[in-house]
């Protein structure tokens, strides 16, 4: 029969002290120190390179943005000029304008009914 006695003494399992002492005495700092020194050297070299590349890319993007804005302004000016030229072309090719220019430069007039004779 299995009886649980709450007054019975209870022993906690303990970690072997020899293992704990040997684990604490190991020289893990030398490996970590060498590793951190090499990582630090790499970072000392890479951080300025990354900073310089970032600055160069930022200035390149700024210059590109300025040139894109200039081209956009030029495109808008050309579109305005094209609209004005199309309006002027439509005005010059209107029948009334053609008759006025023909009459002024070449003395050409539309014939009247009594001037037209059919044979």
C-alpha atoms as a PDB file:
ATOM      1  CA  UNK A   1       0.000   0.000   0.000  1.00  0.00           C
ATOM      2  CA  UNK A   2       1.292   3.401  -0.931  1.00  0.00           C
ATOM      3  CA  UNK A   3       0.666   5.979   1.769  1.00  0.00           C
ATOM      4  CA  UNK A   4       1.660   9.603   1.440  1.00  0.00           C
ATOM      5  CA  UNK A   5       2.928  10.990   4.704  1.00  0.00           C
ATOM      6  CA  UNK A   6       3.169  14.816   4.713  1.00  0.00           C
ATOM      7  CA  UNK A   7       5.443  14.720   7.759  1.00  0.00           C
ATOM      8  CA  UNK A   8       7.998  12.601   5.925  1.00  0.00           C
ATOM      9  CA  UNK A   9      11.292  14.340   5.230  1.00  0.00           C
ATOM     10  CA  UNK A  10      11.856  15.402   1.663  1.00  0.00           C
ATOM     11  CA  UNK A  11      15.271  15.610   0.021  1.00  0.00           C
ATOM     12  CA  UNK A  12      15.764  17.987  -2.881  1.00  0.00           C
ATOM     13  CA  UNK A  13      17.967  16.781  -5.684  1.00  0.00           C
ATOM     14  CA  UNK A  14      21.224  18.731  -5.712  1.00  0.00           C
ATOM     15  CA  UNK A  15      23.560  19.512  -8.554  1.00  0.00           C
ATOM     16  CA  UNK A  16      26.887  17.814  -8.293  1.00  0.00           C
ATOM     17  CA  UNK A  17      29.216  20.467  -6.824  1.00  0.00           C
ATOM     18  CA  UNK A  18      32.267  19.170  -8.646  1.00  0.00           C
ATOM     19  CA  UNK A  19      30.593  19.730 -12.010  1.00  0.00           C
ATOM     20  CA  UNK A  20      29.522  23.212 -10.960  1.00  0.00           C
ATOM     21  CA  UNK A  21      33.033  24.120  -9.800  1.00  0.00           C
ATOM     22  CA  UNK A  22      34.637  22.790 -12.943  1.00  0.00           C
ATOM     23  CA  UNK A  23      32.119  24.619 -15.114  1.00  0.00           C
ATOM     24  CA  UNK A  24      32.772  27.936 -13.349  1.00  0.00           C
ATOM     25  CA  UNK A  25      36.561  27.537 -13.530  1.00  0.00           C
ATOM     26  CA  UNK A  26      36.700  27.044 -17.286  1.00  0.00           C
ATOM     27  CA  UNK A  27      38.400  29.795 -19.242  1.00  0.00           C
ATOM     28  CA  UNK A  28      35.561  30.795 -21.558  1.00  0.00           C
ATOM     29  CA  UNK A  29      36.588  34.432 -21.474  1.00  0.00           C
ATOM     30  CA  UNK A  30      39.600  33.885 -23.732  1.00  0.00           C
ATOM     31  CA  UNK A  31      37.500  32.479 -26.558  1.00  0.00           C
ATOM     32  CA  UNK A  32      34.872  35.163 -26.081  1.00  0.00           C
ATOM     33  CA  UNK A  33      37.529  37.866 -25.868  1.00  0.00           C
ATOM     34  CA  UNK A  34      39.172  36.771 -29.120  1.00  0.00           C
ATOM     35  CA  UNK A  35      35.808  36.518 -30.801  1.00  0.00           C
ATOM     36  CA  UNK A  36      34.736  39.969 -29.630  1.00  0.00           C
ATOM     37  CA  UNK A  37      38.062  41.484 -30.679  1.00  0.00           C
ATOM     38  CA  UNK A  38      37.680  40.103 -34.196  1.00  0.00           C
ATOM     39  CA  UNK A  39      34.061  41.242 -34.345  1.00  0.00           C
ATOM     40  CA  UNK A  40      35.138  44.681 -33.122  1.00  0.00           C
ATOM     41  CA  UNK A  41      37.832  44.938 -35.805  1.00  0.00           C
ATOM     42  CA  UNK A  42      35.345  44.009 -38.506  1.00  0.00           C
ATOM     43  CA  UNK A  43      32.887  46.592 -37.209  1.00  0.00           C
ATOM     44  CA  UNK A  44      35.585  49.280 -37.072  1.00  0.00           C
ATOM     45  CA  UNK A  45      36.256  48.653 -40.753  1.00  0.00           C
ATOM     46  CA  UNK A  46      32.683  48.137 -41.919  1.00  0.00           C
ATOM     47  CA  UNK A  47      30.916  50.949 -40.056  1.00  0.00           C
ATOM     48  CA  UNK A  48      32.811  53.785 -41.794  1.00  0.00           C
ATOM     49  CA  UNK A  49      32.400  52.025 -45.135  1.00  0.00           C
ATOM     50  CA  UNK A  50      28.670  51.697 -44.622  1.00  0.00           C
ATOM     51  CA  UNK A  51      28.482  55.332 -43.504  1.00  0.00           C
ATOM     52  CA  UNK A  52      30.369  56.544 -46.577  1.00  0.00           C
ATOM     53  CA  UNK A  53      28.207  54.432 -48.884  1.00  0.00           C
ATOM     54  CA  UNK A  54      25.071  55.750 -47.209  1.00  0.00           C
ATOM     55  CA  UNK A  55      26.200  59.365 -47.650  1.00  0.00           C
ATOM     56  CA  UNK A  56      27.166  58.755 -51.263  1.00  0.00           C
ATOM     57  CA  UNK A  57      23.838  57.093 -52.053  1.00  0.00           C
ATOM     58  CA  UNK A  58      21.921  59.885 -50.317  1.00  0.00           C
ATOM     59  CA  UNK A  59      23.707  62.571 -52.341  1.00  0.00           C
ATOM     60  CA  UNK A  60      23.179  60.563 -55.549  1.00  0.00           C
ATOM     61  CA  UNK A  61      19.478  60.270 -54.807  1.00  0.00           C
ATOM     62  CA  UNK A  62      19.277  63.995 -54.071  1.00  0.00           C
ATOM     63  CA  UNK A  63      20.977  64.818 -57.397  1.00  0.00           C
ATOM     64  CA  UNK A  64      18.696  62.399 -59.206  1.00  0.00           C
ATOM     65  CA  UNK A  65      15.653  63.964 -57.581  1.00  0.00           C
ATOM     66  CA  UNK A  66      16.771  67.438 -58.685  1.00  0.00           C
ATOM     67  CA  UNK A  67      17.324  66.277 -62.265  1.00  0.00           C
ATOM     68  CA  UNK A  68      13.929  64.541 -62.333  1.00  0.00           C
ATOM     69  CA  UNK A  69      12.255  67.755 -61.161  1.00  0.00           C
ATOM     70  CA  UNK A  70      14.057  69.750 -63.857  1.00  0.00           C
ATOM     71  CA  UNK A  71      12.978  67.300 -66.555  1.00  0.00           C
ATOM     72  CA  UNK A  72       9.404  67.378 -65.221  1.00  0.00           C
ATOM     73  CA  UNK A  73       9.366  71.191 -65.372  1.00  0.00           C
ATOM     74  CA  UNK A  74      10.730  71.085 -68.916  1.00  0.00           C
ATOM     75  CA  UNK A  75       8.055  68.567 -69.896  1.00  0.00           C
ATOM     76  CA  UNK A  76       5.325  70.804 -68.484  1.00  0.00           C
ATOM     77  CA  UNK A  77       6.702  73.830 -70.377  1.00  0.00           C
ATOM     78  CA  UNK A  78       6.801  71.814 -73.613  1.00  0.00           C
ATOM     79  CA  UNK A  79       3.235  70.610 -73.056  1.00  0.00           C
ATOM     80  CA  UNK A  80       2.084  74.238 -72.610  1.00  0.00           C
ATOM     81  CA  UNK A  81       3.932  75.245 -75.781  1.00  0.00           C
ATOM     82  CA  UNK A  82       2.362  72.323 -77.660  1.00  0.00           C
ATOM     83  CA  UNK A  83      -1.123  73.364 -76.542  1.00  0.00           C
ATOM     84  CA  UNK A  84      -0.498  76.941 -77.710  1.00  0.00           C
ATOM     85  CA  UNK A  85       0.892  75.758 -81.062  1.00  0.00           C
ATOM     86  CA  UNK A  86      -2.081  73.471 -81.654  1.00  0.00           C
ATOM     87  CA  UNK A  87      -4.469  76.322 -80.891  1.00  0.00           C
ATOM     88  CA  UNK A  88      -2.552  78.585 -83.291  1.00  0.00           C
ATOM     89  CA  UNK A  89      -2.570  75.862 -85.976  1.00  0.00           C
ATOM     90  CA  UNK A  90      -6.314  75.366 -85.575  1.00  0.00           C
ATOM     91  CA  UNK A  91      -6.812  79.117 -85.938  1.00  0.00           C
ATOM     92  CA  UNK A  92      -4.562  79.348 -89.033  1.00  0.00           C
ATOM     93  CA  UNK A  93      -6.216  76.399 -90.774  1.00  0.00           C
ATOM     94  CA  UNK A  94      -9.737  77.651 -90.223  1.00  0.00           C
ATOM     95  CA  UNK A  95     -11.565  78.365 -93.521  1.00  0.00           C
ATOM     96  CA  UNK A  96     -12.071  82.049 -92.690  1.00  0.00           C
ATOM     97  CA  UNK A  97      -8.369  82.571 -91.982  1.00  0.00           C
ATOM     98  CA  UNK A  98      -7.366  80.751 -95.189  1.00  0.00           C
ATOM     99  CA  UNK A  99      -9.692  82.968 -97.238  1.00  0.00           C
ATOM    100  CA  UNK A 100      -8.359  86.110 -95.558  1.00  0.00           C
ATOM    101  CA  UNK A 101      -4.718  85.169 -96.208  1.00  0.00           C
ATOM    102  CA  UNK A 102      -5.480  84.151 -99.820  1.00  0.00           C
ATOM    103  CA  UNK A 103      -7.222  87.439-100.431  1.00  0.00           C
ATOM    104  CA  UNK A 104      -4.464  89.462 -98.806  1.00  0.00           C
ATOM    105  CA  UNK A 105      -1.392  87.781-100.300  1.00  0.00           C
ATOM    106  CA  UNK A 106      -2.559  86.403-103.613  1.00  0.00           C
ATOM    107  CA  UNK A 107      -5.612  88.560-104.314  1.00  0.00           C
ATOM    108  CA  UNK A 108      -7.811  85.467-104.520  1.00  0.00           C
ATOM    109  CA  UNK A 109     -11.478  85.910-103.778  1.00  0.00           C
ATOM    110  CA  UNK A 110     -14.457  83.617-103.772  1.00  0.00           C
ATOM    111  CA  UNK A 111     -16.378  84.130-107.010  1.00  0.00           C
ATOM    112  CA  UNK A 112     -19.915  85.470-106.849  1.00  0.00           C
ATOM    113  CA  UNK A 113     -22.834  83.750-108.592  1.00  0.00           C
ATOM    114  CA  UNK A 114     -22.859  86.050-111.597  1.00  0.00           C
ATOM    115  CA  UNK A 115     -19.119  85.476-112.120  1.00  0.00           C
ATOM    116  CA  UNK A 116     -19.513  81.711-112.520  1.00  0.00           C
ATOM    117  CA  UNK A 117     -20.503  80.612-116.041  1.00  0.00           C
ATOM    118  CA  UNK A 118     -21.181  77.075-117.061  1.00  0.00           C
ATOM    119  CA  UNK A 119     -20.576  75.929-120.627  1.00  0.00           C
END
